[in-house]
Amino acid sequence: MCSIRLVVLAILIIVFSMGCSGTYARIKNQSEDESKITQKELFDNWSDYDIWFKSAVIVFDPKNDDKKILVGSNWGKVKDQEMWTAIVKANTTSDGNIDPVWASYSMTGVREIWGPENQLYGYVIHQQQDLVSAKVVDENKMRIYYHRARFGGP
């Protein structure tokens, strides 16, 4: 009787862990040179992307593919050129890199968001110490998770 309970418990643990696990994206760093080229392309061709922003993170989701990047409800979305120009102007350093004025420490370069089967979903720029991850929702959707680093205090 005890061995049957152990087998049932083992099966439940395996099933539960499989249900809770998901496919996470690979968020790949670009080299400094690649990052500068990609950043210029993203900024110049902003209208080809759905652009989401929050705190010190910006996500670029290409419009011309069947894949979608999902973000939380408290993210902003770039709606027009005037809004994008204001964001870029306010947050671009003299050397042409984006460095949000609200950021208290340096940004990463452009990072690529890769899904299953080596499919590029989009790009993300965020502060180095912050945590950014993405998880597959279904075959064409990826959800971004962003957690701002906290320093000092609880």
N, C-alpha and C. Protein backbone atom coordinates (compact mmCIF):
# COMPACT_ATOMS: atom_id res chain seq x y z
N MET A 1 0.81 -1.20 0.00
CA MET A 1 0.00 0.00 0.00
C MET A 1 0.86 1.26 0.00
N CYS A 2 1.94 1.23 0.79
CA CYS A 2 2.84 2.38 0.88
C CYS A 2 3.55 2.63 -0.45
N SER A 3 3.93 1.57 -1.16
CA SER A 3 4.62 1.74 -2.44
C SER A 3 3.68 2.31 -3.50
N ILE A 4 2.41 1.97 -3.44
CA ILE A 4 1.43 2.53 -4.39
C ILE A 4 1.30 4.03 -4.16
N ARG A 5 1.28 4.45 -2.91
CA ARG A 5 1.19 5.88 -2.60
C ARG A 5 2.42 6.62 -3.11
N LEU A 6 3.59 6.01 -2.94
CA LEU A 6 4.81 6.64 -3.43
C LEU A 6 4.80 6.78 -4.95
N VAL A 7 4.33 5.76 -5.65
CA VAL A 7 4.25 5.80 -7.11
C VAL A 7 3.27 6.89 -7.55
N VAL A 8 2.11 6.94 -6.91
CA VAL A 8 1.10 7.96 -7.25
C VAL A 8 1.66 9.35 -6.96
N LEU A 9 2.34 9.51 -5.82
CA LEU A 9 2.92 10.80 -5.48
C LEU A 9 3.99 11.20 -6.49
N ALA A 10 4.82 10.26 -6.91
CA ALA A 10 5.86 10.54 -7.91
C ALA A 10 5.23 10.97 -9.23
N ILE A 11 4.19 10.28 -9.64
CA ILE A 11 3.50 10.63 -10.89
C ILE A 11 2.89 12.02 -10.79
N LEU A 12 2.27 12.35 -9.67
CA LEU A 12 1.68 13.67 -9.48
C LEU A 12 2.75 14.77 -9.52
N ILE A 13 3.89 14.51 -8.91
CA ILE A 13 4.97 15.50 -8.92
C ILE A 13 5.46 15.72 -10.34
N ILE A 14 5.62 14.66 -11.11
CA ILE A 14 6.08 14.79 -12.49
C ILE A 14 5.07 15.55 -13.33
N VAL A 15 3.80 15.20 -13.22
CA VAL A 15 2.74 15.87 -13.98
C VAL A 15 2.66 17.34 -13.59
N PHE A 16 2.72 17.62 -12.29
CA PHE A 16 2.65 19.00 -11.82
C PHE A 16 3.83 19.82 -12.35
N SER A 17 5.03 19.25 -12.27
CA SER A 17 6.20 20.00 -12.74
C SER A 17 6.15 20.22 -14.25
N MET A 18 5.62 19.27 -14.99
CA MET A 18 5.48 19.45 -16.44
C MET A 18 4.47 20.54 -16.75
N GLY A 19 3.40 20.60 -15.97
CA GLY A 19 2.37 21.61 -16.19
C GLY A 19 2.85 23.00 -15.85
N CYS A 20 3.74 23.12 -14.88
CA CYS A 20 4.23 24.43 -14.47
C CYS A 20 5.40 24.90 -15.31
N SER A 21 6.05 23.99 -15.96
CA SER A 21 7.19 24.41 -16.77
C SER A 21 6.66 24.95 -18.09
N GLY A 22 7.39 25.82 -18.65
CA GLY A 22 7.00 26.38 -19.94
C GLY A 22 8.24 26.58 -20.76
N THR A 23 8.05 26.99 -21.97
CA THR A 23 9.17 27.24 -22.83
C THR A 23 9.54 28.70 -22.70
N TYR A 24 10.74 28.93 -22.24
CA TYR A 24 11.22 30.29 -22.11
C TYR A 24 12.01 30.69 -23.34
N ALA A 25 12.00 31.96 -23.60
CA ALA A 25 12.76 32.49 -24.73
C ALA A 25 14.23 32.60 -24.36
N ARG A 26 15.02 32.68 -25.37
CA ARG A 26 16.43 33.01 -25.20
C ARG A 26 16.56 34.50 -25.47
N ILE A 27 17.12 35.22 -24.52
CA ILE A 27 17.35 36.64 -24.74
C ILE A 27 18.85 36.80 -24.91
N LYS A 28 19.23 37.07 -26.14
CA LYS A 28 20.64 37.02 -26.56
C LYS A 28 21.23 38.43 -26.67
N ASN A 29 22.39 38.61 -26.06
CA ASN A 29 23.11 39.88 -26.18
C ASN A 29 23.71 40.01 -27.57
N GLN A 30 23.74 41.22 -28.07
CA GLN A 30 24.47 41.52 -29.29
C GLN A 30 25.82 42.11 -28.91
N SER A 31 26.78 42.00 -29.80
CA SER A 31 28.07 42.67 -29.57
C SER A 31 27.82 44.17 -29.58
N GLU A 32 28.78 44.93 -29.09
CA GLU A 32 28.63 46.39 -29.05
C GLU A 32 28.41 46.96 -30.44
N ASP A 33 29.17 46.47 -31.42
CA ASP A 33 29.01 46.96 -32.80
C ASP A 33 27.65 46.58 -33.37
N GLU A 34 27.25 45.32 -33.19
CA GLU A 34 25.93 44.88 -33.67
C GLU A 34 24.83 45.70 -33.02
N SER A 35 24.98 45.93 -31.73
CA SER A 35 23.97 46.66 -30.97
C SER A 35 23.78 48.08 -31.51
N LYS A 36 24.87 48.76 -31.82
CA LYS A 36 24.77 50.13 -32.35
C LYS A 36 24.06 50.14 -33.71
N ILE A 37 24.38 49.17 -34.55
CA ILE A 37 23.74 49.09 -35.87
C ILE A 37 22.25 48.79 -35.72
N THR A 38 21.92 47.81 -34.87
CA THR A 38 20.51 47.44 -34.66
C THR A 38 19.74 48.60 -34.05
N GLN A 39 20.35 49.26 -33.07
CA GLN A 39 19.68 50.39 -32.41
C GLN A 39 19.35 51.48 -33.42
N LYS A 40 20.28 51.80 -34.30
CA LYS A 40 20.03 52.82 -35.33
C LYS A 40 18.89 52.37 -36.24
N GLU A 41 18.90 51.10 -36.63
CA GLU A 41 17.84 50.56 -37.49
C GLU A 41 16.48 50.63 -36.78
N LEU A 42 16.46 50.28 -35.49
CA LEU A 42 15.21 50.32 -34.73
C LEU A 42 14.69 51.75 -34.61
N PHE A 43 15.58 52.68 -34.32
CA PHE A 43 15.17 54.07 -34.15
C PHE A 43 14.72 54.69 -35.47
N ASP A 44 15.46 54.41 -36.55
CA ASP A 44 15.11 54.99 -37.85
C ASP A 44 13.84 54.39 -38.44
N ASN A 45 13.59 53.12 -38.15
CA ASN A 45 12.43 52.42 -38.72
C ASN A 45 11.41 52.08 -37.64
N TRP A 46 11.22 52.98 -36.71
CA TRP A 46 10.36 52.76 -35.56
C TRP A 46 8.93 52.37 -35.96
N SER A 47 8.46 52.89 -37.08
CA SER A 47 7.07 52.63 -37.48
C SER A 47 6.85 51.18 -37.94
N ASP A 48 7.93 50.43 -38.13
CA ASP A 48 7.81 49.02 -38.50
C ASP A 48 7.61 48.12 -37.27
N TYR A 49 7.57 48.76 -36.08
CA TYR A 49 7.50 48.01 -34.82
C TYR A 49 6.37 48.51 -33.94
N ASP A 50 5.80 47.60 -33.16
CA ASP A 50 5.01 48.00 -32.01
C ASP A 50 6.04 48.21 -30.92
N ILE A 51 6.09 49.40 -30.34
CA ILE A 51 7.10 49.73 -29.34
C ILE A 51 6.41 49.91 -27.99
N TRP A 52 6.87 49.13 -27.02
CA TRP A 52 6.34 49.16 -25.66
C TRP A 52 7.44 49.66 -24.73
N PHE A 53 7.05 50.42 -23.70
CA PHE A 53 8.04 50.92 -22.75
C PHE A 53 7.48 50.94 -21.34
N LYS A 54 8.39 50.77 -20.39
CA LYS A 54 8.04 50.79 -18.97
C LYS A 54 9.31 51.05 -18.19
N SER A 55 9.25 51.91 -17.21
CA SER A 55 10.42 52.24 -16.38
C SER A 55 11.63 52.45 -17.27
N ALA A 56 12.54 51.50 -17.28
CA ALA A 56 13.75 51.65 -18.08
C ALA A 56 13.92 50.47 -19.02
N VAL A 57 12.84 50.11 -19.69
CA VAL A 57 12.89 49.01 -20.66
C VAL A 57 12.06 49.41 -21.88
N ILE A 58 12.57 49.05 -23.06
CA ILE A 58 11.85 49.30 -24.32
C ILE A 58 11.85 48.00 -25.10
N VAL A 59 10.67 47.61 -25.59
CA VAL A 59 10.51 46.38 -26.37
C VAL A 59 10.06 46.75 -27.78
N PHE A 60 10.71 46.15 -28.78
CA PHE A 60 10.38 46.37 -30.18
C PHE A 60 9.83 45.06 -30.75
N ASP A 61 8.56 45.08 -31.17
CA ASP A 61 7.89 43.91 -31.73
C ASP A 61 7.61 44.19 -33.21
N PRO A 62 8.30 43.49 -34.13
CA PRO A 62 8.07 43.74 -35.56
C PRO A 62 6.60 43.55 -35.95
N LYS A 63 6.09 44.50 -36.72
CA LYS A 63 4.70 44.43 -37.16
C LYS A 63 4.51 43.48 -38.33
N ASN A 64 5.55 43.25 -39.13
CA ASN A 64 5.40 42.51 -40.39
C ASN A 64 5.58 41.01 -40.25
N ASP A 65 5.33 40.47 -39.07
CA ASP A 65 5.39 39.01 -38.91
C ASP A 65 4.14 38.52 -38.19
N ASP A 66 3.99 37.21 -38.08
CA ASP A 66 2.81 36.66 -37.44
C ASP A 66 3.02 36.41 -35.95
N LYS A 67 4.16 36.86 -35.42
CA LYS A 67 4.47 36.68 -34.00
C LYS A 67 4.10 37.94 -33.23
N LYS A 68 3.77 37.77 -31.96
CA LYS A 68 3.33 38.88 -31.12
C LYS A 68 4.04 38.82 -29.78
N ILE A 69 4.52 39.96 -29.31
CA ILE A 69 5.09 40.07 -27.98
C ILE A 69 4.05 40.73 -27.08
N LEU A 70 3.71 40.06 -26.00
CA LEU A 70 2.73 40.56 -25.05
C LEU A 70 3.44 41.19 -23.87
N VAL A 71 2.88 42.27 -23.34
CA VAL A 71 3.43 42.94 -22.16
C VAL A 71 2.29 43.13 -21.16
N GLY A 72 2.61 43.57 -19.97
CA GLY A 72 1.59 43.78 -18.94
C GLY A 72 0.72 44.98 -19.23
N SER A 73 -0.28 45.17 -18.39
CA SER A 73 -1.25 46.24 -18.60
C SER A 73 -0.69 47.62 -18.26
N ASN A 74 0.39 47.68 -17.51
CA ASN A 74 0.91 48.99 -17.11
C ASN A 74 2.10 49.44 -17.96
N TRP A 75 2.17 48.97 -19.18
CA TRP A 75 3.19 49.41 -20.13
C TRP A 75 2.60 50.48 -21.03
N GLY A 76 3.44 51.38 -21.50
CA GLY A 76 3.01 52.38 -22.47
C GLY A 76 3.32 51.90 -23.87
N LYS A 77 2.61 52.44 -24.85
CA LYS A 77 2.85 52.08 -26.24
C LYS A 77 3.06 53.35 -27.06
N VAL A 78 4.06 53.31 -27.91
CA VAL A 78 4.31 54.45 -28.80
C VAL A 78 3.20 54.48 -29.84
N LYS A 79 2.51 55.61 -29.92
CA LYS A 79 1.35 55.71 -30.80
C LYS A 79 1.63 56.49 -32.08
N ASP A 80 2.60 57.39 -32.05
CA ASP A 80 2.86 58.20 -33.24
C ASP A 80 4.29 58.71 -33.25
N GLN A 81 4.67 59.36 -34.36
CA GLN A 81 6.03 59.84 -34.53
C GLN A 81 6.39 60.91 -33.50
N GLU A 82 5.45 61.76 -33.18
CA GLU A 82 5.72 62.81 -32.19
C GLU A 82 6.11 62.21 -30.85
N MET A 83 5.38 61.20 -30.42
CA MET A 83 5.68 60.53 -29.15
C MET A 83 7.05 59.84 -29.21
N TRP A 84 7.33 59.12 -30.31
CA TRP A 84 8.61 58.43 -30.45
C TRP A 84 9.77 59.42 -30.49
N THR A 85 9.62 60.51 -31.22
CA THR A 85 10.67 61.53 -31.31
C THR A 85 10.96 62.11 -29.93
N ALA A 86 9.92 62.38 -29.16
CA ALA A 86 10.12 62.92 -27.81
C ALA A 86 10.86 61.93 -26.92
N ILE A 87 10.51 60.65 -27.01
CA ILE A 87 11.18 59.62 -26.20
C ILE A 87 12.65 59.53 -26.59
N VAL A 88 12.93 59.45 -27.88
CA VAL A 88 14.31 59.31 -28.34
C VAL A 88 15.13 60.55 -27.97
N LYS A 89 14.57 61.73 -28.22
CA LYS A 89 15.30 62.97 -27.94
C LYS A 89 15.63 63.10 -26.46
N ALA A 90 14.68 62.79 -25.62
CA ALA A 90 14.88 62.94 -24.18
C ALA A 90 15.83 61.89 -23.60
N ASN A 91 16.04 60.80 -24.31
CA ASN A 91 16.78 59.69 -23.74
C ASN A 91 17.99 59.25 -24.55
N THR A 92 18.48 60.09 -25.45
CA THR A 92 19.64 59.74 -26.26
C THR A 92 20.85 60.53 -25.79
N THR A 93 21.96 59.83 -25.61
CA THR A 93 23.20 60.47 -25.17
C THR A 93 23.86 61.17 -26.36
N SER A 94 24.89 61.93 -26.07
CA SER A 94 25.59 62.66 -27.15
C SER A 94 26.25 61.72 -28.16
N ASP A 95 26.57 60.48 -27.74
CA ASP A 95 27.16 59.53 -28.69
C ASP A 95 26.11 58.72 -29.45
N GLY A 96 24.82 59.05 -29.26
CA GLY A 96 23.76 58.44 -30.04
C GLY A 96 23.15 57.19 -29.43
N ASN A 97 23.55 56.80 -28.23
CA ASN A 97 22.97 55.63 -27.58
C ASN A 97 21.80 56.03 -26.72
N ILE A 98 20.83 55.15 -26.61
CA ILE A 98 19.70 55.43 -25.73
C ILE A 98 20.13 55.17 -24.30
N ASP A 99 19.81 56.09 -23.43
CA ASP A 99 20.13 55.98 -22.01
C ASP A 99 19.07 56.79 -21.27
N PRO A 100 17.97 56.15 -20.93
CA PRO A 100 16.84 56.89 -20.35
C PRO A 100 17.25 57.79 -19.19
N VAL A 101 16.70 58.98 -19.18
CA VAL A 101 17.02 59.94 -18.13
C VAL A 101 16.58 59.43 -16.76
N TRP A 102 15.59 58.55 -16.73
CA TRP A 102 15.14 58.02 -15.45
C TRP A 102 16.02 56.87 -14.96
N ALA A 103 16.94 56.41 -15.79
CA ALA A 103 17.82 55.29 -15.40
C ALA A 103 18.94 55.80 -14.51
N SER A 104 19.18 55.08 -13.42
CA SER A 104 20.23 55.49 -12.49
C SER A 104 21.54 54.76 -12.77
N TYR A 105 21.53 53.86 -13.73
CA TYR A 105 22.74 53.15 -14.10
C TYR A 105 22.63 52.76 -15.56
N SER A 106 23.72 52.24 -16.13
CA SER A 106 23.82 52.09 -17.58
C SER A 106 22.87 51.05 -18.16
N MET A 107 22.60 51.23 -19.44
CA MET A 107 21.72 50.33 -20.17
C MET A 107 22.55 49.22 -20.80
N THR A 108 21.88 48.10 -21.08
CA THR A 108 22.51 47.07 -21.90
C THR A 108 22.44 47.56 -23.33
N GLY A 109 23.10 46.86 -24.21
CA GLY A 109 22.90 47.13 -25.62
C GLY A 109 21.57 46.52 -26.03
N VAL A 110 21.37 46.43 -27.31
CA VAL A 110 20.15 45.79 -27.83
C VAL A 110 20.28 44.29 -27.60
N ARG A 111 19.22 43.68 -27.12
CA ARG A 111 19.19 42.23 -26.93
C ARG A 111 18.08 41.66 -27.81
N GLU A 112 18.32 40.48 -28.36
CA GLU A 112 17.36 39.82 -29.25
C GLU A 112 16.50 38.85 -28.44
N ILE A 113 15.22 38.77 -28.78
CA ILE A 113 14.30 37.84 -28.14
C ILE A 113 14.03 36.70 -29.11
N TRP A 114 14.53 35.51 -28.78
CA TRP A 114 14.41 34.34 -29.64
C TRP A 114 13.47 33.33 -29.02
N GLY A 115 12.53 32.83 -29.81
CA GLY A 115 11.59 31.81 -29.37
C GLY A 115 12.02 30.43 -29.81
N PRO A 116 11.12 29.47 -29.67
CA PRO A 116 11.42 28.10 -30.09
C PRO A 116 11.73 28.05 -31.59
N GLU A 117 12.46 27.07 -31.95
CA GLU A 117 12.82 26.85 -33.36
C GLU A 117 13.55 28.04 -33.96
N ASN A 118 14.32 28.74 -33.12
CA ASN A 118 15.14 29.87 -33.57
C ASN A 118 14.36 30.93 -34.33
N GLN A 119 13.22 31.33 -33.80
CA GLN A 119 12.41 32.39 -34.40
C GLN A 119 12.67 33.70 -33.65
N LEU A 120 13.07 34.73 -34.38
CA LEU A 120 13.28 36.04 -33.77
C LEU A 120 11.92 36.71 -33.55
N TYR A 121 11.63 37.05 -32.29
CA TYR A 121 10.37 37.71 -31.96
C TYR A 121 10.50 39.22 -31.92
N GLY A 122 11.68 39.73 -31.53
CA GLY A 122 11.86 41.16 -31.45
C GLY A 122 13.11 41.51 -30.67
N TYR A 123 13.11 42.74 -30.12
CA TYR A 123 14.30 43.26 -29.45
C TYR A 123 13.89 43.93 -28.13
N VAL A 124 14.85 43.98 -27.22
CA VAL A 124 14.62 44.65 -25.94
C VAL A 124 15.89 45.41 -25.55
N ILE A 125 15.68 46.59 -24.98
CA ILE A 125 16.77 47.38 -24.40
C ILE A 125 16.35 47.67 -22.97
N HIS A 126 17.25 47.40 -22.01
CA HIS A 126 16.91 47.61 -20.60
C HIS A 126 18.15 47.89 -19.79
N GLN A 127 17.96 48.29 -18.53
CA GLN A 127 19.08 48.53 -17.64
C GLN A 127 19.78 47.21 -17.34
N GLN A 128 21.10 47.27 -17.21
CA GLN A 128 21.89 46.06 -17.02
C GLN A 128 21.44 45.22 -15.83
N GLN A 129 21.18 45.83 -14.70
CA GLN A 129 20.88 45.08 -13.50
C GLN A 129 19.45 44.55 -13.45
N ASP A 130 18.59 45.04 -14.29
CA ASP A 130 17.20 44.59 -14.28
C ASP A 130 17.08 43.21 -14.91
N LEU A 131 16.05 42.50 -14.53
CA LEU A 131 15.81 41.16 -15.06
C LEU A 131 14.73 41.20 -16.12
N VAL A 132 15.04 40.66 -17.27
CA VAL A 132 14.08 40.57 -18.37
C VAL A 132 14.08 39.12 -18.83
N SER A 133 12.88 38.55 -18.93
CA SER A 133 12.74 37.20 -19.45
C SER A 133 11.48 37.17 -20.31
N ALA A 134 11.33 36.10 -21.06
CA ALA A 134 10.15 35.95 -21.92
C ALA A 134 9.76 34.48 -21.94
N LYS A 135 8.48 34.24 -22.01
CA LYS A 135 7.95 32.89 -22.00
C LYS A 135 6.96 32.72 -23.14
N VAL A 136 7.00 31.57 -23.78
CA VAL A 136 6.08 31.28 -24.88
C VAL A 136 4.67 31.11 -24.32
N VAL A 137 3.72 31.83 -24.93
CA VAL A 137 2.30 31.71 -24.55
C VAL A 137 1.63 30.68 -25.45
N ASP A 138 1.84 30.81 -26.73
CA ASP A 138 1.38 29.81 -27.69
C ASP A 138 2.32 29.87 -28.89
N GLU A 139 1.96 29.23 -29.96
CA GLU A 139 2.90 29.08 -31.08
C GLU A 139 3.35 30.41 -31.69
N ASN A 140 2.60 31.49 -31.54
CA ASN A 140 2.99 32.77 -32.12
C ASN A 140 3.03 33.92 -31.13
N LYS A 141 2.97 33.62 -29.84
CA LYS A 141 2.96 34.69 -28.83
C LYS A 141 3.99 34.44 -27.75
N MET A 142 4.64 35.53 -27.35
CA MET A 142 5.65 35.51 -26.31
C MET A 142 5.29 36.59 -25.30
N ARG A 143 5.38 36.30 -24.00
CA ARG A 143 5.11 37.30 -22.96
C ARG A 143 6.43 37.73 -22.34
N ILE A 144 6.62 39.06 -22.25
CA ILE A 144 7.81 39.63 -21.63
C ILE A 144 7.55 39.84 -20.15
N TYR A 145 8.54 39.47 -19.34
CA TYR A 145 8.51 39.73 -17.90
C TYR A 145 9.68 40.65 -17.57
N TYR A 146 9.39 41.72 -16.86
CA TYR A 146 10.41 42.70 -16.52
C TYR A 146 10.36 42.94 -15.02
N HIS A 147 11.53 42.85 -14.39
CA HIS A 147 11.63 43.10 -12.95
C HIS A 147 12.77 44.07 -12.71
N ARG A 148 12.41 45.23 -12.22
CA ARG A 148 13.40 46.28 -11.97
C ARG A 148 14.24 45.91 -10.75
N ALA A 149 15.53 46.10 -10.85
CA ALA A 149 16.45 45.81 -9.74
C ALA A 149 16.18 46.78 -8.60
N ARG A 150 16.25 46.27 -7.40
CA ARG A 150 16.06 47.10 -6.21
C ARG A 150 17.37 47.12 -5.44
N PHE A 151 17.75 48.30 -5.03
CA PHE A 151 18.99 48.44 -4.26
C PHE A 151 18.67 49.03 -2.91
N GLY A 152 19.23 48.43 -1.88
CA GLY A 152 19.06 48.97 -0.54
C GLY A 152 17.65 48.84 -0.03
N GLY A 153 17.50 48.48 1.18
CA GLY A 153 16.19 48.41 1.81
C GLY A 153 15.39 47.21 1.39
N PRO A 154 14.31 46.95 2.06
CA PRO A 154 13.49 45.77 1.74
C PRO A 154 12.61 45.96 0.54
